[in-house]
PDB file of N, CA and C in Angstrom:
ATOM      1  N   MET A   1       1.144  -0.979   0.038  1.00  0.00           N
ATOM      2  CA  MET A   1      -0.323   0.251   0.111  1.00  0.00           C
ATOM      3  C   MET A   1       1.008   1.307   0.332  1.00  0.00           C
ATOM      4  N   GLY A   2       1.873   1.447   0.374  1.00  0.00           N
ATOM      5  CA  GLY A   2       3.438   2.185   0.553  1.00  0.00           C
ATOM      6  C   GLY A   2       3.418   2.585  -0.672  1.00  0.00           C
ATOM      7  N   LYS A   3       3.473   1.866  -1.639  1.00  0.00           N
ATOM      8  CA  LYS A   3       3.901   2.456  -3.222  1.00  0.00           C
ATOM      9  C   LYS A   3       2.234   3.145  -3.577  1.00  0.00           C
ATOM     10  N   LEU A   4       1.765   2.699  -3.413  1.00  0.00           N
ATOM     11  CA  LEU A   4       0.709   3.279  -3.685  1.00  0.00           C
ATOM     12  C   LEU A   4      -0.193   4.654  -3.702  1.00  0.00           C
ATOM     13  N   LYS A   5       0.707   5.383  -2.224  1.00  0.00           N
ATOM     14  CA  LYS A   5       0.392   6.702  -1.692  1.00  0.00           C
ATOM     15  C   LYS A   5       1.180   7.406  -2.303  1.00  0.00           C
ATOM     16  N   ILE A   6       0.759   8.737  -2.772  1.00  0.00           N
ATOM     17  CA  ILE A   6       1.493   9.751  -3.482  1.00  0.00           C
ATOM     18  C   ILE A   6       0.805  11.225  -2.603  1.00  0.00           C
ATOM     19  N   THR A   7       2.101  11.998  -3.053  1.00  0.00           N
ATOM     20  CA  THR A   7       1.937  13.493  -1.766  1.00  0.00           C
ATOM     21  C   THR A   7       0.814  14.227  -2.722  1.00  0.00           C
ATOM     22  N   CYS A   8       0.217  15.806  -2.174  1.00  0.00           N
ATOM     23  CA  CYS A   8      -0.185  16.082  -3.149  1.00  0.00           C
ATOM     24  C   CYS A   8       0.441  16.894  -3.987  1.00  0.00           C
ATOM     25  N   GLU A   9       1.619  17.357  -3.915  1.00  0.00           N
ATOM     26  CA  GLU A   9       2.374  17.210  -5.053  1.00  0.00           C
ATOM     27  C   GLU A   9       2.105  16.303  -6.462  1.00  0.00           C
ATOM     28  N   GLU A  10       2.955  15.346  -5.872  1.00  0.00           N
ATOM     29  CA  GLU A  10       3.052  14.172  -6.865  1.00  0.00           C
ATOM     30  C   GLU A  10       1.170  14.135  -7.792  1.00  0.00           C
ATOM     31  N   ALA A  11       0.148  14.215  -6.714  1.00  0.00           N
ATOM     32  CA  ALA A  11      -0.951  14.359  -7.229  1.00  0.00           C
ATOM     33  C   ALA A  11      -1.401  15.210  -8.714  1.00  0.00           C
ATOM     34  N   THR A  12      -1.072  16.638  -8.072  1.00  0.00           N
ATOM     35  CA  THR A  12      -0.800  17.465  -8.920  1.00  0.00           C
ATOM     36  C   THR A  12      -0.308  17.372 -10.143  1.00  0.00           C
ATOM     37  N   THR A  13       0.871  16.735 -10.211  1.00  0.00           N
ATOM     38  CA  THR A  13       1.161  16.699 -11.640  1.00  0.00           C
ATOM     39  C   THR A  13       0.913  15.347 -12.180  1.00  0.00           C
ATOM     40  N   ILE A  14       0.422  14.728 -11.668  1.00  0.00           N
ATOM     41  CA  ILE A  14      -0.638  13.397 -12.323  1.00  0.00           C
ATOM     42  C   ILE A  14      -2.031  14.105 -13.118  1.00  0.00           C
ATOM     43  N   CYS A  15      -2.498  14.518 -12.324  1.00  0.00           N
ATOM     44  CA  CYS A  15      -3.558  15.153 -12.522  1.00  0.00           C
ATOM     45  C   CYS A  15      -3.393  15.941 -14.248  1.00  0.00           C
ATOM     46  N   THR A  16      -2.565  16.654 -14.094  1.00  0.00           N
ATOM     47  CA  THR A  16      -2.238  17.458 -15.228  1.00  0.00           C
ATOM     48  C   THR A  16      -1.617  16.370 -16.234  1.00  0.00           C
ATOM     49  N   LYS A  17      -1.128  15.284 -15.852  1.00  0.00           N
ATOM     50  CA  LYS A  17      -0.522  14.893 -17.078  1.00  0.00           C
ATOM     51  C   LYS A  17      -1.819  14.143 -17.624  1.00  0.00           C
ATOM     52  N   ALA A  18      -2.549  13.595 -16.751  1.00  0.00           N
ATOM     53  CA  ALA A  18      -3.696  13.267 -16.969  1.00  0.00           C
ATOM     54  C   ALA A  18      -4.741  13.833 -18.221  1.00  0.00           C
ATOM     55  N   GLN A  19      -4.600  15.194 -17.066  1.00  0.00           N
ATOM     56  CA  GLN A  19      -5.690  16.171 -18.529  1.00  0.00           C
ATOM     57  C   GLN A  19      -5.267  15.770 -20.431  1.00  0.00           C
ATOM     58  N   TYR A  20      -3.524  15.805 -20.290  1.00  0.00           N
ATOM     59  CA  TYR A  20      -3.440  15.799 -21.377  1.00  0.00           C
ATOM     60  C   TYR A  20      -3.026  14.410 -22.589  1.00  0.00           C
ATOM     61  N   GLY A  21      -3.482  13.394 -21.580  1.00  0.00           N
ATOM     62  CA  GLY A  21      -3.250  11.693 -22.010  1.00  0.00           C
ATOM     63  C   GLY A  21      -2.009  10.808 -21.695  1.00  0.00           C
ATOM     64  N   GLU A  22      -1.183  11.983 -20.597  1.00  0.00           N
ATOM     65  CA  GLU A  22       0.131  11.590 -20.634  1.00  0.00           C
ATOM     66  C   GLU A  22       0.425  10.388 -19.234  1.00  0.00           C
ATOM     67  N   ALA A  23      -0.554  10.343 -18.696  1.00  0.00           N
ATOM     68  CA  ALA A  23      -0.522   9.554 -17.281  1.00  0.00           C
ATOM     69  C   ALA A  23      -0.340   8.170 -17.559  1.00  0.00           C
ATOM     70  N   SER A  24      -0.099   7.503 -17.052  1.00  0.00           N
ATOM     71  CA  SER A  24      -0.070   5.779 -16.549  1.00  0.00           C
ATOM     72  C   SER A  24      -1.623   5.487 -16.057  1.00  0.00           C
ATOM     73  N   PHE A  25      -1.712   3.974 -16.414  1.00  0.00           N
ATOM     74  CA  PHE A  25      -2.964   3.400 -15.803  1.00  0.00           C
ATOM     75  C   PHE A  25      -2.187   3.754 -13.936  1.00  0.00           C
ATOM     76  N   LEU A  26      -1.386   2.750 -14.118  1.00  0.00           N
ATOM     77  CA  LEU A  26      -0.841   3.139 -12.091  1.00  0.00           C
ATOM     78  C   LEU A  26      -0.977   4.551 -11.830  1.00  0.00           C
ATOM     79  N   ASP A  27      -0.565   5.678 -12.694  1.00  0.00           N
ATOM     80  CA  ASP A  27      -0.542   6.898 -12.042  1.00  0.00           C
ATOM     81  C   ASP A  27      -1.847   7.647 -11.772  1.00  0.00           C
ATOM     82  N   LYS A  28      -2.822   6.836 -12.461  1.00  0.00           N
ATOM     83  CA  LYS A  28      -3.966   7.221 -12.764  1.00  0.00           C
ATOM     84  C   LYS A  28      -4.604   6.743 -11.294  1.00  0.00           C
ATOM     85  N   PHE A  29      -4.608   5.555 -10.933  1.00  0.00           N
ATOM     86  CA  PHE A  29      -4.937   4.998  -9.875  1.00  0.00           C
ATOM     87  C   PHE A  29      -4.583   5.005  -8.929  1.00  0.00           C
ATOM     88  N   LYS A  30      -3.277   5.839  -8.609  1.00  0.00           N
ATOM     89  CA  LYS A  30      -2.854   5.755  -7.445  1.00  0.00           C
ATOM     90  C   LYS A  30      -3.407   7.156  -7.233  1.00  0.00           C
ATOM     91  N   LEU A  31      -3.928   9.083  -8.133  1.00  0.00           N
ATOM     92  CA  LEU A  31      -4.201   9.682  -8.354  1.00  0.00           C
ATOM     93  C   LEU A  31      -5.604   9.433  -7.707  1.00  0.00           C
ATOM     94  N   ASN A  32      -6.742   8.432  -8.001  1.00  0.00           N
ATOM     95  CA  ASN A  32      -7.997   8.104  -7.479  1.00  0.00           C
ATOM     96  C   ASN A  32      -8.190   7.637  -6.174  1.00  0.00           C
ATOM     97  N   LEU A  33      -6.774   7.062  -5.785  1.00  0.00           N
ATOM     98  CA  LEU A  33      -6.952   6.480  -4.361  1.00  0.00           C
ATOM     99  C   LEU A  33      -6.377   7.679  -3.513  1.00  0.00           C
ATOM    100  N   HIS A  34      -5.494   8.528  -4.136  1.00  0.00           N
ATOM    101  CA  HIS A  34      -5.295   9.787  -3.218  1.00  0.00           C
ATOM    102  C   HIS A  34      -6.599  11.016  -3.092  1.00  0.00           C
ATOM    103  N   PHE A  35      -7.471  10.523  -4.049  1.00  0.00           N
ATOM    104  CA  PHE A  35      -8.488  11.642  -4.107  1.00  0.00           C
ATOM    105  C   PHE A  35      -9.786  10.785  -3.084  1.00  0.00           C
ATOM    106  N   VAL A  36      -9.612   9.832  -2.692  1.00  0.00           N
ATOM    107  CA  VAL A  36     -10.311   9.234  -1.832  1.00  0.00           C
ATOM    108  C   VAL A  36     -10.135  10.094  -0.623  1.00  0.00           C
ATOM    109  N   TYR A  37      -8.767   9.951  -0.029  1.00  0.00           N
ATOM    110  CA  TYR A  37      -8.692  11.049   1.271  1.00  0.00           C
ATOM    111  C   TYR A  37      -8.433  12.621   1.630  1.00  0.00           C
ATOM    112  N   CYS A  38      -8.180  12.943   0.136  1.00  0.00           N
ATOM    113  CA  CYS A  38      -7.774  14.030  -0.024  1.00  0.00           C
ATOM    114  C   CYS A  38      -8.831  15.487  -1.012  1.00  0.00           C
ATOM    115  N   LYS A  39      -9.727  15.630  -0.337  1.00  0.00           N
ATOM    116  CA  LYS A  39     -10.673  16.786  -0.828  1.00  0.00           C
ATOM    117  C   LYS A  39      -9.893  18.549  -1.532  1.00  0.00           C
ATOM    118  N   THR A  40      -8.568  18.309  -1.285  1.00  0.00           N
ATOM    119  CA  THR A  40      -8.125  19.643  -1.970  1.00  0.00           C
ATOM    120  C   THR A  40      -7.805  19.596  -3.312  1.00  0.00           C
ATOM    121  N   CYS A  41      -7.117  18.057  -3.293  1.00  0.00           N
ATOM    122  CA  CYS A  41      -6.990  17.958  -4.673  1.00  0.00           C
ATOM    123  C   CYS A  41      -8.094  17.219  -5.479  1.00  0.00           C
ATOM    124  N   ARG A  42      -8.872  16.678  -4.676  1.00  0.00           N
ATOM    125  CA  ARG A  42      -9.961  16.456  -5.413  1.00  0.00           C
ATOM    126  C   ARG A  42     -10.449  18.187  -6.597  1.00  0.00           C
ATOM    127  N   THR A  43     -10.562  19.141  -5.346  1.00  0.00           N
ATOM    128  CA  THR A  43     -11.032  20.090  -5.635  1.00  0.00           C
ATOM    129  C   THR A  43     -10.018  21.064  -6.991  1.00  0.00           C
ATOM    130  N   PHE A  44      -9.023  21.039  -6.736  1.00  0.00           N
ATOM    131  CA  PHE A  44      -7.357  20.936  -7.406  1.00  0.00           C
ATOM    132  C   PHE A  44      -7.917  20.581  -8.900  1.00  0.00           C
ATOM    133  N   SER A  45      -8.406  19.266  -9.057  1.00  0.00           N
ATOM    134  CA  SER A  45      -8.295  18.318 -10.360  1.00  0.00           C
ATOM    135  C   SER A  45      -9.737  18.745 -10.868  1.00  0.00           C
ATOM    136  N   ARG A  46     -10.703  19.011 -10.636  1.00  0.00           N
ATOM    137  CA  ARG A  46     -12.012  19.414 -10.908  1.00  0.00           C
ATOM    138  C   ARG A  46     -11.656  21.098 -11.408  1.00  0.00           C
ATOM    139  N   GLN A  47     -11.031  22.052 -10.602  1.00  0.00           N
ATOM    140  CA  GLN A  47     -10.713  23.545 -10.901  1.00  0.00           C
ATOM    141  C   GLN A  47     -10.058  23.132 -12.174  1.00  0.00           C
ATOM    142  N   ASN A  48      -8.801  23.019 -12.419  1.00  0.00           N
ATOM    143  CA  ASN A  48      -7.873  22.713 -13.634  1.00  0.00           C
ATOM    144  C   ASN A  48      -8.528  22.039 -14.819  1.00  0.00           C
ATOM    145  N   SER A  49      -9.472  20.884 -14.224  1.00  0.00           N
ATOM    146  CA  SER A  49     -10.471  20.471 -15.316  1.00  0.00           C
ATOM    147  C   SER A  49     -11.174  21.722 -16.265  1.00  0.00           C
ATOM    148  N   GLU A  50     -11.917  22.493 -15.510  1.00  0.00           N
ATOM    149  CA  GLU A  50     -12.780  23.546 -15.616  1.00  0.00           C
ATOM    150  C   GLU A  50     -12.027  25.081 -16.767  1.00  0.00           C
ATOM    151  N   LEU A  51     -11.040  25.212 -15.930  1.00  0.00           N
ATOM    152  CA  LEU A  51      -9.685  25.726 -16.240  1.00  0.00           C
ATOM    153  C   LEU A  51      -9.481  25.472 -17.940  1.00  0.00           C
ATOM    154  N   SER A  52      -9.148  24.579 -18.066  1.00  0.00           N
ATOM    155  CA  SER A  52      -8.475  23.468 -19.634  1.00  0.00           C
ATOM    156  C   SER A  52      -9.630  23.863 -19.893  1.00  0.00           C
ATOM    157  N   ASP A  53     -11.078  23.614 -19.880  1.00  0.00           N
ATOM    158  CA  ASP A  53     -12.011  23.686 -20.773  1.00  0.00           C
ATOM    159  C   ASP A  53     -12.306  24.919 -21.545  1.00  0.00           C
ATOM    160  N   MET A  54     -12.439  26.042 -20.362  1.00  0.00           N
ATOM    161  CA  MET A  54     -12.651  27.624 -20.283  1.00  0.00           C
ATOM    162  C   MET A  54     -11.613  27.803 -21.752  1.00  0.00           C
ATOM    163  N   CYS A  55     -10.547  27.419 -21.376  1.00  0.00           N
ATOM    164  CA  CYS A  55      -9.013  28.138 -22.266  1.00  0.00           C
ATOM    165  C   CYS A  55      -9.446  27.686 -23.687  1.00  0.00           C
ATOM    166  N   ALA A  56      -9.939  26.260 -24.296  1.00  0.00           N
ATOM    167  CA  ALA A  56     -10.200  25.444 -25.260  1.00  0.00           C
ATOM    168  C   ALA A  56     -11.232  26.457 -25.914  1.00  0.00           C
ATOM    169  N   LEU A  57     -12.295  26.515 -24.996  1.00  0.00           N
ATOM    170  CA  LEU A  57     -13.539  27.442 -25.437  1.00  0.00           C
ATOM    171  C   LEU A  57     -12.981  28.790 -26.404  1.00  0.00           C
ATOM    172  N   ALA A  58     -11.853  29.231 -25.348  1.00  0.00           N
ATOM    173  CA  ALA A  58     -11.991  30.933 -25.629  1.00  0.00           C
ATOM    174  C   ALA A  58     -10.679  30.584 -27.170  1.00  0.00           C
ATOM    175  N   LYS A  59     -10.078  29.529 -27.255  1.00  0.00           N
ATOM    176  CA  LYS A  59      -9.074  29.612 -28.129  1.00  0.00           C
ATOM    177  C   LYS A  59     -10.158  29.024 -29.398  1.00  0.00           C
ATOM    178  N   LYS A  60     -11.353  28.624 -29.452  1.00  0.00           N
ATOM    179  CA  LYS A  60     -12.193  28.184 -30.680  1.00  0.00           C
ATOM    180  C   LYS A  60     -13.055  29.485 -31.122  1.00  0.00           C
ATOM    181  N   TYR A  61     -13.072  30.300 -30.021  1.00  0.00           N
ATOM    182  CA  TYR A  61     -13.958  31.615 -30.277  1.00  0.00           C
ATOM    183  C   TYR A  61     -13.058  32.547 -30.925  1.00  0.00           C
ATOM    184  N   GLN A  62     -11.937  32.714 -30.391  1.00  0.00           N
ATOM    185  CA  GLN A  62     -10.863  33.306 -31.368  1.00  0.00           C
ATOM    186  C   GLN A  62     -10.594  32.909 -32.376  1.00  0.00           C
ATOM    187  N   GLU A  63     -10.515  31.747 -33.318  1.00  0.00           N
ATOM    188  CA  GLU A  63     -10.180  31.251 -34.490  1.00  0.00           C
ATOM    189  C   GLU A  63     -11.684  31.513 -35.355  1.00  0.00           C
ATOM    190  N   LYS A  64     -12.440  31.260 -34.576  1.00  0.00           N
ATOM    191  CA  LYS A  64     -14.008  31.367 -35.369  1.00  0.00           C
ATOM    192  C   LYS A  64     -14.339  32.586 -35.636  1.00  0.00           C
ATOM    193  N   HIS A  65     -13.852  33.708 -34.820  1.00  0.00           N
ATOM    194  CA  HIS A  65     -13.825  35.001 -34.902  1.00  0.00           C
ATOM    195  C   HIS A  65     -13.056  36.216 -35.586  1.00  0.00           C
ATOM    196  N   LYS A  66     -11.689  35.109 -35.367  1.00  0.00           N
ATOM    197  CA  LYS A  66     -10.610  35.835 -35.941  1.00  0.00           C
ATOM    198  C   LYS A  66     -10.320  37.378 -35.348  1.00  0.00           C
ATOM    199  N   CYS A  67     -10.282  37.161 -34.367  1.00  0.00           N
ATOM    200  CA  CYS A  67     -10.209  38.353 -33.229  1.00  0.00           C
ATOM    201  C   CYS A  67      -9.001  39.111 -33.237  1.00  0.00           C
ATOM    202  N   CYS A  68      -8.829  39.622 -34.317  1.00  0.00           N
ATOM    203  CA  CYS A  68      -7.109  39.807 -34.759  1.00  0.00           C
ATOM    204  C   CYS A  68      -7.372  41.487 -35.098  1.00  0.00           C
ATOM    205  N   LEU A  69      -6.633  42.532 -35.252  1.00  0.00           N
ATOM    206  CA  LEU A  69      -6.632  43.627 -36.110  1.00  0.00           C
ATOM    207  C   LEU A  69      -5.789  42.978 -37.962  1.00  0.00           C
ATOM    208  N   SER A  70      -6.747  44.054 -38.417  1.00  0.00           N
ATOM    209  CA  SER A  70      -6.119  43.844 -39.695  1.00  0.00           C
ATOM    210  C   SER A  70      -5.058  44.357 -39.762  1.00  0.00           C
ATOM    211  N   GLU A  71      -3.980  44.004 -40.883  1.00  0.00           N
ATOM    212  CA  GLU A  71      -3.176  44.906 -41.164  1.00  0.00           C
ATOM    213  C   GLU A  71      -3.036  46.337 -41.341  1.00  0.00           C
ATOM    214  N   ALA A  72      -4.328  47.110 -42.258  1.00  0.00           N
ATOM    215  CA  ALA A  72      -4.540  48.277 -42.012  1.00  0.00           C
ATOM    216  C   ALA A  72      -4.120  48.970 -40.936  1.00  0.00           C
ATOM    217  N   ASP A  73      -5.388  48.132 -39.782  1.00  0.00           N
ATOM    218  CA  ASP A  73      -5.468  48.468 -38.541  1.00  0.00           C
ATOM    219  C   ASP A  73      -3.912  48.705 -37.637  1.00  0.00           C
ATOM    220  N   LYS A  74      -3.012  47.850 -37.744  1.00  0.00           N
ATOM    221  CA  LYS A  74      -1.944  47.646 -37.131  1.00  0.00           C
ATOM    222  C   LYS A  74      -1.132  48.464 -38.020  1.00  0.00           C
ATOM    223  N   LYS A  75      -0.696  48.816 -39.239  1.00  0.00           N
ATOM    224  CA  LYS A  75      -0.331  49.958 -39.741  1.00  0.00           C
ATOM    225  C   LYS A  75      -0.845  51.464 -38.753  1.00  0.00           C
ATOM    226  N   ALA A  76      -2.121  51.691 -38.890  1.00  0.00           N
ATOM    227  CA  ALA A  76      -2.573  53.082 -38.118  1.00  0.00           C
ATOM    228  C   ALA A  76      -2.092  52.919 -36.807  1.00  0.00           C
ATOM    229  N   TRP A  77      -2.534  52.205 -36.404  1.00  0.00           N
ATOM    230  CA  TRP A  77      -1.558  52.084 -34.747  1.00  0.00           C
ATOM    231  C   TRP A  77      -0.024  52.535 -34.824  1.00  0.00           C
ATOM    232  N   LYS A  78       0.466  51.706 -35.446  1.00  0.00           N
ATOM    233  CA  LYS A  78       2.296  52.283 -35.215  1.00  0.00           C
ATOM    234  C   LYS A  78       2.117  53.583 -35.748  1.00  0.00           C
ATOM    235  N   GLU A  79       1.549  54.758 -36.788  1.00  0.00           N
ATOM    236  CA  GLU A  79       1.679  55.745 -37.244  1.00  0.00           C
ATOM    237  C   GLU A  79       1.274  56.642 -35.968  1.00  0.00           C
ATOM    238  N   LYS A  80       0.022  55.892 -35.579  1.00  0.00           N
ATOM    239  CA  LYS A  80      -0.391  56.995 -33.922  1.00  0.00           C
ATOM    240  C   LYS A  80       0.840  56.551 -32.781  1.00  0.00           C
ATOM    241  N   MET A  81       1.173  55.777 -32.593  1.00  0.00           N
ATOM    242  CA  MET A  81       2.388  55.388 -31.863  1.00  0.00           C
ATOM    243  C   MET A  81       3.395  56.630 -32.116  1.00  0.00           C
ATOM    244  N   LYS A  82       4.302  56.142 -33.467  1.00  0.00           N
ATOM    245  CA  LYS A  82       5.095  57.110 -33.838  1.00  0.00           C
ATOM    246  C   LYS A  82       4.983  58.699 -33.382  1.00  0.00           C
ATOM    247  N   GLU A  83       3.738  58.956 -33.661  1.00  0.00           N
ATOM    248  CA  GLU A  83       3.055  60.683 -33.864  1.00  0.00           C
ATOM    249  C   GLU A  83       3.320  60.481 -31.773  1.00  0.00           C
ATOM    250  N   LEU A  84       3.170  59.913 -31.117  1.00  0.00           N
ATOM    251  CA  LEU A  84       3.112  60.153 -29.761  1.00  0.00           C
ATOM    252  C   LEU A  84       4.485  60.386 -29.474  1.00  0.00           C
ATOM    253  N   GLU A  85       5.236  59.369 -30.006  1.00  0.00           N
ATOM    254  CA  GLU A  85       6.812  59.562 -29.377  1.00  0.00           C
ATOM    255  C   GLU A  85       7.338  61.205 -29.893  1.00  0.00           C
ATOM    256  N   LYS A  86       6.859  61.476 -30.866  1.00  0.00           N
ATOM    257  CA  LYS A  86       7.196  63.081 -30.884  1.00  0.00           C
ATOM    258  C   LYS A  86       7.416  63.664 -29.578  1.00  0.00           C
TER     259      LYS A  86
END
């Protein structure tokens, strides 16, 4: 049982690996065992997952709506900045 018990620091590392599909079966097992007795790490895992989902949604929104300045707008901004430097 001693080899299956992990610290909170190890749990957060495994949690992050698991979100990106890089955690082994044994790591996931250890993590879930840790969650049984550690509410803080369970909360971290849930919040980390929600944050990752929100970032993914923001990225999709940005790609869909092309939230970038056009080349003409960039040029206009550069010219205004040069004027302000004078």
